[in-house]
């Protein structure tokens, strides 16, 4: 009886190990504006947010296109933080470099802060197709605080993937975020050059 107990314990341990699910890979978007040339510093202050995203993307899992009008939630490849927070943080960090100013604040941190410009973003689609492309469609508005004058725009970008896998997919989304940030920075500069 004593000899069979260790064997039973080993078999039970092996069975439990076999039943355990694989661990999830966590991903986050990253600012990439440091890799591009910038114009002269504007010295302006900007609040970024709110950012809205489609309901389908408001989940922890990365939503992957699998065919026409078909998607799947990848249980084992997830965002490390909510996608909405990821987007606003990356755009803000890109704008620090693109506008040459440290005075970029996130909306949720600056409800009572004074700023010269306010940026709102509505992401209309944020699509991920493994081995193919990352696609972003967003409309945005920059409002000059002192007089309410606005600059609006649309950023539509499809970033092809050179490789398969999630690392390549996230890199493509980072490039799309950079294009969005560059368009917004141009909007801020346009308002800055416009007469009040």
C-alpha atoms as a PDB file:
ATOM      1  CA  UNK A   1       0.000   0.000   0.000  1.00  0.00           C
ATOM      2  CA  UNK A   2       2.853   2.373   0.804  1.00  0.00           C
ATOM      3  CA  UNK A   3       4.510   1.784  -2.582  1.00  0.00           C
ATOM      4  CA  UNK A   4       1.389   2.680  -4.582  1.00  0.00           C
ATOM      5  CA  UNK A   5       0.830   6.068  -2.875  1.00  0.00           C
ATOM      6  CA  UNK A   6       3.782   7.868  -4.575  1.00  0.00           C
ATOM      7  CA  UNK A   7       2.723   6.445  -7.950  1.00  0.00           C
ATOM      8  CA  UNK A   8      -0.853   7.710  -7.450  1.00  0.00           C
ATOM      9  CA  UNK A   9       0.447  11.164  -6.424  1.00  0.00           C
ATOM     10  CA  UNK A  10       2.707  11.325  -9.513  1.00  0.00           C
ATOM     11  CA  UNK A  11      -0.123  10.285 -11.827  1.00  0.00           C
ATOM     12  CA  UNK A  12      -2.462  12.836 -10.275  1.00  0.00           C
ATOM     13  CA  UNK A  13       0.150  15.587 -10.680  1.00  0.00           C
ATOM     14  CA  UNK A  14       0.706  14.677 -14.331  1.00  0.00           C
ATOM     15  CA  UNK A  15      -3.037  14.697 -14.992  1.00  0.00           C
ATOM     16  CA  UNK A  16      -3.439  18.147 -13.425  1.00  0.00           C
ATOM     17  CA  UNK A  17      -0.518  19.505 -15.450  1.00  0.00           C
ATOM     18  CA  UNK A  18      -2.080  18.174 -18.643  1.00  0.00           C
ATOM     19  CA  UNK A  19      -5.398  19.854 -17.827  1.00  0.00           C
ATOM     20  CA  UNK A  20      -3.910  23.286 -17.133  1.00  0.00           C
ATOM     21  CA  UNK A  21      -4.555  25.802 -19.905  1.00  0.00           C
ATOM     22  CA  UNK A  22      -1.719  27.623 -21.672  1.00  0.00           C
ATOM     23  CA  UNK A  23      -0.817  31.037 -20.357  1.00  0.00           C
ATOM     24  CA  UNK A  24      -2.020  34.155 -22.150  1.00  0.00           C
ATOM     25  CA  UNK A  25       0.345  36.426 -24.045  1.00  0.00           C
ATOM     26  CA  UNK A  26      -0.205  40.077 -23.139  1.00  0.00           C
ATOM     27  CA  UNK A  27       0.407  42.906 -25.613  1.00  0.00           C
ATOM     28  CA  UNK A  28       0.501  46.673 -25.439  1.00  0.00           C
ATOM     29  CA  UNK A  29       0.738  49.399 -28.051  1.00  0.00           C
ATOM     30  CA  UNK A  30       3.930  51.492 -28.028  1.00  0.00           C
ATOM     31  CA  UNK A  31       4.776  55.043 -29.126  1.00  0.00           C
ATOM     32  CA  UNK A  32       6.978  55.198 -32.223  1.00  0.00           C
ATOM     33  CA  UNK A  33       7.224  58.938 -32.935  1.00  0.00           C
ATOM     34  CA  UNK A  34      10.882  59.046 -31.849  1.00  0.00           C
ATOM     35  CA  UNK A  35      11.738  57.290 -35.117  1.00  0.00           C
ATOM     36  CA  UNK A  36      10.447  60.154 -37.307  1.00  0.00           C
ATOM     37  CA  UNK A  37      11.752  63.657 -37.894  1.00  0.00           C
ATOM     38  CA  UNK A  38       9.915  66.367 -35.992  1.00  0.00           C
ATOM     39  CA  UNK A  39       9.193  70.001 -36.683  1.00  0.00           C
ATOM     40  CA  UNK A  40      10.066  72.851 -34.360  1.00  0.00           C
ATOM     41  CA  UNK A  41       8.672  72.563 -30.838  1.00  0.00           C
ATOM     42  CA  UNK A  42       5.299  74.253 -30.445  1.00  0.00           C
ATOM     43  CA  UNK A  43       5.513  74.668 -26.652  1.00  0.00           C
ATOM     44  CA  UNK A  44       1.745  74.226 -26.489  1.00  0.00           C
ATOM     45  CA  UNK A  45      -0.355  72.323 -23.968  1.00  0.00           C
ATOM     46  CA  UNK A  46      -2.740  69.612 -25.146  1.00  0.00           C
ATOM     47  CA  UNK A  47      -5.263  67.360 -23.429  1.00  0.00           C
ATOM     48  CA  UNK A  48      -5.804  64.061 -25.264  1.00  0.00           C
ATOM     49  CA  UNK A  49      -9.140  62.316 -24.855  1.00  0.00           C
ATOM     50  CA  UNK A  50     -11.725  61.110 -24.584  1.00  0.00           C
ATOM     51  CA  UNK A  51     -11.159  58.255 -27.014  1.00  0.00           C
ATOM     52  CA  UNK A  52     -14.038  56.007 -28.029  1.00  0.00           C
ATOM     53  CA  UNK A  53     -13.634  52.592 -29.654  1.00  0.00           C
ATOM     54  CA  UNK A  54     -16.100  50.149 -31.245  1.00  0.00           C
ATOM     55  CA  UNK A  55     -17.905  47.917 -28.759  1.00  0.00           C
ATOM     56  CA  UNK A  56     -16.496  44.813 -30.460  1.00  0.00           C
ATOM     57  CA  UNK A  57     -12.958  45.906 -29.483  1.00  0.00           C
ATOM     58  CA  UNK A  58     -13.850  46.807 -25.911  1.00  0.00           C
ATOM     59  CA  UNK A  59     -12.753  43.398 -24.608  1.00  0.00           C
ATOM     60  CA  UNK A  60      -9.495  42.072 -23.143  1.00  0.00           C
ATOM     61  CA  UNK A  61      -8.943  39.616 -25.995  1.00  0.00           C
ATOM     62  CA  UNK A  62      -7.434  40.687 -29.309  1.00  0.00           C
ATOM     63  CA  UNK A  63     -10.228  40.541 -31.893  1.00  0.00           C
ATOM     64  CA  UNK A  64      -8.977  38.796 -35.045  1.00  0.00           C
ATOM     65  CA  UNK A  65     -10.664  38.830 -38.451  1.00  0.00           C
ATOM     66  CA  UNK A  66     -11.105  35.267 -39.733  1.00  0.00           C
ATOM     67  CA  UNK A  67     -13.127  35.915 -42.898  1.00  0.00           C
ATOM     68  CA  UNK A  68     -15.679  38.210 -44.426  1.00  0.00           C
ATOM     69  CA  UNK A  69     -17.934  39.391 -41.588  1.00  0.00           C
ATOM     70  CA  UNK A  70     -16.302  36.913 -39.186  1.00  0.00           C
ATOM     71  CA  UNK A  71     -14.106  37.522 -36.158  1.00  0.00           C
ATOM     72  CA  UNK A  72     -12.861  35.552 -33.179  1.00  0.00           C
ATOM     73  CA  UNK A  73     -11.719  36.541 -29.723  1.00  0.00           C
ATOM     74  CA  UNK A  74      -8.259  35.134 -29.082  1.00  0.00           C
ATOM     75  CA  UNK A  75      -8.377  33.892 -25.495  1.00  0.00           C
ATOM     76  CA  UNK A  76      -4.613  33.439 -25.312  1.00  0.00           C
ATOM     77  CA  UNK A  77      -3.525  36.751 -26.894  1.00  0.00           C
ATOM     78  CA  UNK A  78      -4.834  39.714 -24.964  1.00  0.00           C
ATOM     79  CA  UNK A  79      -4.297  43.412 -24.352  1.00  0.00           C
ATOM     80  CA  UNK A  80      -2.320  44.100 -21.172  1.00  0.00           C
ATOM     81  CA  UNK A  81      -4.672  47.025 -20.440  1.00  0.00           C
ATOM     82  CA  UNK A  82      -7.954  48.183 -22.012  1.00  0.00           C
ATOM     83  CA  UNK A  83      -7.456  49.051 -25.689  1.00  0.00           C
ATOM     84  CA  UNK A  84      -9.087  52.450 -25.184  1.00  0.00           C
ATOM     85  CA  UNK A  85      -6.468  53.356 -22.539  1.00  0.00           C
ATOM     86  CA  UNK A  86      -3.718  51.968 -24.757  1.00  0.00           C
ATOM     87  CA  UNK A  87      -4.716  54.216 -27.655  1.00  0.00           C
ATOM     88  CA  UNK A  88      -5.001  57.451 -25.657  1.00  0.00           C
ATOM     89  CA  UNK A  89      -1.654  56.812 -23.933  1.00  0.00           C
ATOM     90  CA  UNK A  90       0.205  56.079 -27.174  1.00  0.00           C
ATOM     91  CA  UNK A  91      -1.257  59.082 -29.016  1.00  0.00           C
ATOM     92  CA  UNK A  92      -0.324  61.336 -26.078  1.00  0.00           C
ATOM     93  CA  UNK A  93       3.241  59.980 -25.948  1.00  0.00           C
ATOM     94  CA  UNK A  94       3.616  60.345 -29.716  1.00  0.00           C
ATOM     95  CA  UNK A  95       2.399  63.965 -29.495  1.00  0.00           C
ATOM     96  CA  UNK A  96       5.056  64.770 -26.888  1.00  0.00           C
ATOM     97  CA  UNK A  97       7.666  64.003 -29.554  1.00  0.00           C
ATOM     98  CA  UNK A  98       5.798  65.255 -32.619  1.00  0.00           C
ATOM     99  CA  UNK A  99       4.908  68.624 -31.060  1.00  0.00           C
ATOM    100  CA  UNK A 100       8.086  68.933 -29.027  1.00  0.00           C
ATOM    101  CA  UNK A 101       6.293  69.675 -25.770  1.00  0.00           C
ATOM    102  CA  UNK A 102       6.018  67.809 -22.472  1.00  0.00           C
ATOM    103  CA  UNK A 103       2.687  69.501 -21.768  1.00  0.00           C
ATOM    104  CA  UNK A 104       0.542  66.655 -23.072  1.00  0.00           C
ATOM    105  CA  UNK A 105      -2.001  65.382 -20.569  1.00  0.00           C
ATOM    106  CA  UNK A 106      -4.470  62.511 -20.627  1.00  0.00           C
ATOM    107  CA  UNK A 107      -8.142  63.500 -20.413  1.00  0.00           C
ATOM    108  CA  UNK A 108      -8.866  61.484 -17.272  1.00  0.00           C
ATOM    109  CA  UNK A 109      -5.927  63.150 -15.496  1.00  0.00           C
ATOM    110  CA  UNK A 110      -6.770  66.713 -16.539  1.00  0.00           C
ATOM    111  CA  UNK A 111     -10.454  67.313 -15.947  1.00  0.00           C
ATOM    112  CA  UNK A 112      -9.734  70.652 -14.273  1.00  0.00           C
ATOM    113  CA  UNK A 113      -6.457  71.499 -16.011  1.00  0.00           C
ATOM    114  CA  UNK A 114      -6.126  74.431 -18.389  1.00  0.00           C
ATOM    115  CA  UNK A 115      -4.787  73.614 -21.824  1.00  0.00           C
ATOM    116  CA  UNK A 116      -4.525  75.379 -25.150  1.00  0.00           C
ATOM    117  CA  UNK A 117      -5.877  72.458 -27.175  1.00  0.00           C
ATOM    118  CA  UNK A 118      -8.213  69.551 -26.576  1.00  0.00           C
ATOM    119  CA  UNK A 119      -8.183  66.402 -28.746  1.00  0.00           C
ATOM    120  CA  UNK A 120     -11.109  63.982 -29.043  1.00  0.00           C
ATOM    121  CA  UNK A 121     -10.836  60.745 -31.033  1.00  0.00           C
ATOM    122  CA  UNK A 122     -13.511  58.344 -32.261  1.00  0.00           C
ATOM    123  CA  UNK A 123     -12.037  55.077 -33.491  1.00  0.00           C
ATOM    124  CA  UNK A 124     -14.567  53.698 -35.969  1.00  0.00           C
ATOM    125  CA  UNK A 125     -12.700  50.495 -36.777  1.00  0.00           C
ATOM    126  CA  UNK A 126      -9.620  48.797 -35.353  1.00  0.00           C
ATOM    127  CA  UNK A 127      -9.091  45.575 -37.274  1.00  0.00           C
ATOM    128  CA  UNK A 128      -6.520  42.818 -36.935  1.00  0.00           C
ATOM    129  CA  UNK A 129      -5.933  40.233 -39.660  1.00  0.00           C
ATOM    130  CA  UNK A 130      -3.060  37.892 -38.839  1.00  0.00           C
ATOM    131  CA  UNK A 131      -0.543  37.575 -41.645  1.00  0.00           C
ATOM    132  CA  UNK A 132      -2.211  40.372 -43.619  1.00  0.00           C
ATOM    133  CA  UNK A 133      -2.727  43.812 -42.096  1.00  0.00           C
ATOM    134  CA  UNK A 134      -3.733  46.075 -39.241  1.00  0.00           C
ATOM    135  CA  UNK A 135      -6.405  48.605 -40.195  1.00  0.00           C
ATOM    136  CA  UNK A 136      -7.429  51.795 -38.418  1.00  0.00           C
ATOM    137  CA  UNK A 137     -10.210  54.237 -39.261  1.00  0.00           C
ATOM    138  CA  UNK A 138     -10.678  57.150 -36.905  1.00  0.00           C
ATOM    139  CA  UNK A 139     -12.160  60.621 -36.897  1.00  0.00           C
ATOM    140  CA  UNK A 140     -10.643  63.239 -34.636  1.00  0.00           C
ATOM    141  CA  UNK A 141     -11.163  66.825 -33.579  1.00  0.00           C
ATOM    142  CA  UNK A 142      -8.730  69.372 -32.175  1.00  0.00           C
ATOM    143  CA  UNK A 143     -10.373  72.300 -30.380  1.00  0.00           C
ATOM    144  CA  UNK A 144      -8.540  75.499 -29.473  1.00  0.00           C
ATOM    145  CA  UNK A 145      -9.659  76.324 -25.947  1.00  0.00           C
ATOM    146  CA  UNK A 146      -9.484  80.124 -26.048  1.00  0.00           C
ATOM    147  CA  UNK A 147     -11.985  80.591 -28.875  1.00  0.00           C
ATOM    148  CA  UNK A 148     -13.488  77.167 -29.577  1.00  0.00           C
ATOM    149  CA  UNK A 149     -12.125  77.032 -33.135  1.00  0.00           C
ATOM    150  CA  UNK A 150     -11.785  73.431 -34.321  1.00  0.00           C
ATOM    151  CA  UNK A 151      -9.853  71.361 -36.816  1.00  0.00           C
ATOM    152  CA  UNK A 152     -11.335  67.994 -37.750  1.00  0.00           C
ATOM    153  CA  UNK A 153      -9.934  65.123 -39.746  1.00  0.00           C
ATOM    154  CA  UNK A 154     -10.105  61.459 -40.611  1.00  0.00           C
ATOM    155  CA  UNK A 155      -7.237  58.992 -40.463  1.00  0.00           C
ATOM    156  CA  UNK A 156      -7.644  55.820 -42.503  1.00  0.00           C
ATOM    157  CA  UNK A 157      -4.632  53.551 -42.671  1.00  0.00           C
ATOM    158  CA  UNK A 158      -3.966  49.945 -43.589  1.00  0.00           C
ATOM    159  CA  UNK A 159      -0.574  48.693 -42.426  1.00  0.00           C
ATOM    160  CA  UNK A 160       0.482  45.427 -44.111  1.00  0.00           C
ATOM    161  CA  UNK A 161       2.274  42.749 -42.105  1.00  0.00           C
ATOM    162  CA  UNK A 162       5.646  41.571 -43.331  1.00  0.00           C
ATOM    163  CA  UNK A 163       5.465  38.515 -41.072  1.00  0.00           C
ATOM    164  CA  UNK A 164       2.872  36.317 -39.413  1.00  0.00           C
ATOM    165  CA  UNK A 165       2.207  36.375 -35.707  1.00  0.00           C
ATOM    166  CA  UNK A 166       1.082  38.782 -33.042  1.00  0.00           C
ATOM    167  CA  UNK A 167       4.363  40.696 -32.686  1.00  0.00           C
ATOM    168  CA  UNK A 168       4.128  41.771 -36.336  1.00  0.00           C
ATOM    169  CA  UNK A 169       0.442  42.611 -35.887  1.00  0.00           C
ATOM    170  CA  UNK A 170       1.105  44.857 -32.882  1.00  0.00           C
ATOM    171  CA  UNK A 171       3.985  46.586 -34.735  1.00  0.00           C
ATOM    172  CA  UNK A 172       1.588  47.340 -37.590  1.00  0.00           C
ATOM    173  CA  UNK A 173      -0.943  48.792 -35.143  1.00  0.00           C
ATOM    174  CA  UNK A 174       1.854  50.956 -33.687  1.00  0.00           C
ATOM    175  CA  UNK A 175       2.551  52.344 -37.177  1.00  0.00           C
ATOM    176  CA  UNK A 176      -1.152  53.078 -37.619  1.00  0.00           C
ATOM    177  CA  UNK A 177      -1.183  54.892 -34.257  1.00  0.00           C
ATOM    178  CA  UNK A 178       1.787  56.965 -35.433  1.00  0.00           C
ATOM    179  CA  UNK A 179      -0.117  58.046 -38.559  1.00  0.00           C
ATOM    180  CA  UNK A 180      -3.090  59.038 -36.398  1.00  0.00           C
ATOM    181  CA  UNK A 181      -0.778  60.986 -34.075  1.00  0.00           C
ATOM    182  CA  UNK A 182       0.911  62.756 -37.009  1.00  0.00           C
ATOM    183  CA  UNK A 183      -2.457  63.816 -38.422  1.00  0.00           C
ATOM    184  CA  UNK A 184      -3.539  65.165 -35.030  1.00  0.00           C
ATOM    185  CA  UNK A 185      -0.214  66.996 -34.577  1.00  0.00           C
ATOM    186  CA  UNK A 186      -0.749  68.630 -37.990  1.00  0.00           C
ATOM    187  CA  UNK A 187      -4.220  69.694 -36.828  1.00  0.00           C
ATOM    188  CA  UNK A 188      -2.799  71.283 -33.688  1.00  0.00           C
ATOM    189  CA  UNK A 189      -0.146  73.141 -35.687  1.00  0.00           C
ATOM    190  CA  UNK A 190      -2.765  74.288 -38.207  1.00  0.00           C
ATOM    191  CA  UNK A 191      -4.857  75.832 -35.442  1.00  0.00           C
ATOM    192  CA  UNK A 192      -1.731  77.342 -33.933  1.00  0.00           C
ATOM    193  CA  UNK A 193      -0.962  79.131 -37.198  1.00  0.00           C
ATOM    194  CA  UNK A 194      -4.570  80.232 -37.753  1.00  0.00           C
ATOM    195  CA  UNK A 195      -5.567  83.682 -36.604  1.00  0.00           C
ATOM    196  CA  UNK A 196      -7.776  83.666 -33.495  1.00  0.00           C
END
